[in-house]
Amino acid sequence: MCGIFGYINYLVEKDRKFILDTLVNGLSRLEYRGYVSAGLAIDADKT
């Protein structure tokens, strides 16, 4: 079984620690689903 976790933060002020904690927590919840690999991608507009 596989799973996908995503987090979108659009025009809402959140600190970096909150976002990273949310992403790591989401990935850790997928752990017992039998994943073979895991990844994390962050795309930020620096304009």
N, C-alpha and C. Protein backbone atom coordinates (compact mmCIF):
# COMPACT_ATOMS: atom_id res chain seq x y z
N MET A 1 0.85 -1.17 0.00
CA MET A 1 0.00 0.00 0.00
C MET A 1 0.90 1.23 0.00
N CYS A 2 0.49 2.24 -0.71
CA CYS A 2 1.26 3.48 -0.74
C CYS A 2 0.41 4.64 -0.23
N GLY A 3 1.04 5.74 -0.03
CA GLY A 3 0.32 6.92 0.43
C GLY A 3 1.02 8.18 -0.02
N ILE A 4 0.28 9.24 -0.12
CA ILE A 4 0.82 10.54 -0.51
C ILE A 4 0.37 11.55 0.53
N PHE A 5 1.29 12.39 0.95
CA PHE A 5 0.98 13.45 1.89
C PHE A 5 1.43 14.77 1.27
N GLY A 6 0.61 15.79 1.38
CA GLY A 6 0.97 17.10 0.85
C GLY A 6 0.56 18.20 1.80
N TYR A 7 1.24 19.31 1.69
CA TYR A 7 0.93 20.48 2.50
C TYR A 7 1.08 21.70 1.60
N ILE A 8 0.04 22.51 1.53
CA ILE A 8 0.08 23.74 0.74
C ILE A 8 -0.14 24.91 1.69
N ASN A 9 0.76 25.86 1.61
CA ASN A 9 0.66 27.07 2.42
C ASN A 9 0.65 28.25 1.46
N TYR A 10 -0.51 28.77 1.17
CA TYR A 10 -0.66 29.82 0.17
C TYR A 10 -1.11 31.11 0.83
N LEU A 11 -0.22 32.08 0.85
CA LEU A 11 -0.49 33.42 1.38
C LEU A 11 -0.91 33.42 2.85
N VAL A 12 -0.38 32.46 3.62
CA VAL A 12 -0.64 32.40 5.05
C VAL A 12 0.71 32.41 5.76
N GLU A 13 0.88 33.33 6.69
CA GLU A 13 2.16 33.42 7.40
C GLU A 13 2.31 32.27 8.39
N LYS A 14 3.27 31.41 8.14
CA LYS A 14 3.63 30.33 9.05
C LYS A 14 5.15 30.33 9.15
N ASP A 15 5.68 30.03 10.34
CA ASP A 15 7.13 29.98 10.43
C ASP A 15 7.66 28.66 9.86
N ARG A 16 8.93 28.69 9.49
CA ARG A 16 9.55 27.54 8.82
C ARG A 16 9.48 26.28 9.69
N LYS A 17 9.67 26.41 11.00
CA LYS A 17 9.64 25.26 11.89
C LYS A 17 8.27 24.59 11.87
N PHE A 18 7.20 25.36 11.89
CA PHE A 18 5.86 24.79 11.85
C PHE A 18 5.65 23.98 10.57
N ILE A 19 6.07 24.54 9.45
CA ILE A 19 5.89 23.87 8.16
C ILE A 19 6.71 22.58 8.11
N LEU A 20 7.98 22.64 8.51
CA LEU A 20 8.82 21.45 8.49
C LEU A 20 8.31 20.39 9.46
N ASP A 21 7.86 20.79 10.64
CA ASP A 21 7.29 19.82 11.58
C ASP A 21 6.05 19.15 11.00
N THR A 22 5.22 19.92 10.30
CA THR A 22 4.03 19.36 9.66
C THR A 22 4.41 18.35 8.59
N LEU A 23 5.41 18.67 7.78
CA LEU A 23 5.84 17.76 6.71
C LEU A 23 6.45 16.48 7.27
N VAL A 24 7.31 16.61 8.26
CA VAL A 24 7.95 15.43 8.85
C VAL A 24 6.91 14.56 9.55
N ASN A 25 5.96 15.18 10.23
CA ASN A 25 4.90 14.42 10.89
C ASN A 25 4.06 13.66 9.87
N GLY A 26 3.74 14.30 8.76
CA GLY A 26 2.96 13.63 7.71
C GLY A 26 3.71 12.45 7.12
N LEU A 27 5.00 12.61 6.88
CA LEU A 27 5.80 11.50 6.35
C LEU A 27 5.91 10.37 7.36
N SER A 28 6.05 10.71 8.63
CA SER A 28 6.18 9.65 9.64
C SER A 28 4.88 8.86 9.79
N ARG A 29 3.75 9.48 9.53
CA ARG A 29 2.47 8.75 9.59
C ARG A 29 2.33 7.75 8.45
N LEU A 30 3.06 7.97 7.37
CA LEU A 30 3.04 7.02 6.25
C LEU A 30 3.98 5.85 6.48
N GLU A 31 4.82 5.93 7.49
CA GLU A 31 5.86 4.93 7.71
C GLU A 31 5.30 3.52 7.83
N TYR A 32 4.26 3.33 8.60
CA TYR A 32 3.73 1.99 8.82
C TYR A 32 2.86 1.50 7.67
N ARG A 33 2.79 2.23 6.59
CA ARG A 33 2.06 1.78 5.40
C ARG A 33 2.95 0.95 4.48
N GLY A 34 4.20 0.79 4.84
CA GLY A 34 5.10 -0.04 4.05
C GLY A 34 5.75 0.70 2.90
N TYR A 35 6.14 1.92 3.10
CA TYR A 35 6.75 2.68 2.02
C TYR A 35 8.15 2.13 1.71
N VAL A 36 8.55 2.25 0.47
CA VAL A 36 9.88 1.84 0.04
C VAL A 36 10.81 3.06 0.05
N SER A 37 10.27 4.20 -0.26
CA SER A 37 11.08 5.41 -0.25
C SER A 37 10.21 6.58 0.18
N ALA A 38 10.86 7.64 0.58
CA ALA A 38 10.15 8.85 1.00
C ALA A 38 10.93 10.05 0.51
N GLY A 39 10.24 11.15 0.32
CA GLY A 39 10.92 12.35 -0.15
C GLY A 39 10.24 13.59 0.37
N LEU A 40 10.96 14.67 0.24
CA LEU A 40 10.46 15.96 0.69
C LEU A 40 10.92 17.01 -0.32
N ALA A 41 9.99 17.80 -0.80
CA ALA A 41 10.32 18.88 -1.74
C ALA A 41 9.69 20.16 -1.24
N ILE A 42 10.46 21.23 -1.28
CA ILE A 42 9.97 22.54 -0.87
C ILE A 42 10.22 23.51 -2.01
N ASP A 43 9.17 24.18 -2.43
CA ASP A 43 9.26 25.18 -3.50
C ASP A 43 8.83 26.51 -2.92
N ALA A 44 9.72 27.47 -2.92
CA ALA A 44 9.41 28.77 -2.34
C ALA A 44 9.67 29.87 -3.36
N ASP A 45 8.74 30.79 -3.44
CA ASP A 45 8.90 31.95 -4.30
C ASP A 45 9.63 33.02 -3.50
N LYS A 46 10.82 33.36 -3.91
CA LYS A 46 11.65 34.31 -3.15
C LYS A 46 11.55 35.73 -3.69
N THR A 47 10.46 36.07 -4.37
CA THR A 47 10.33 37.41 -4.94
C THR A 47 9.79 38.39 -3.93
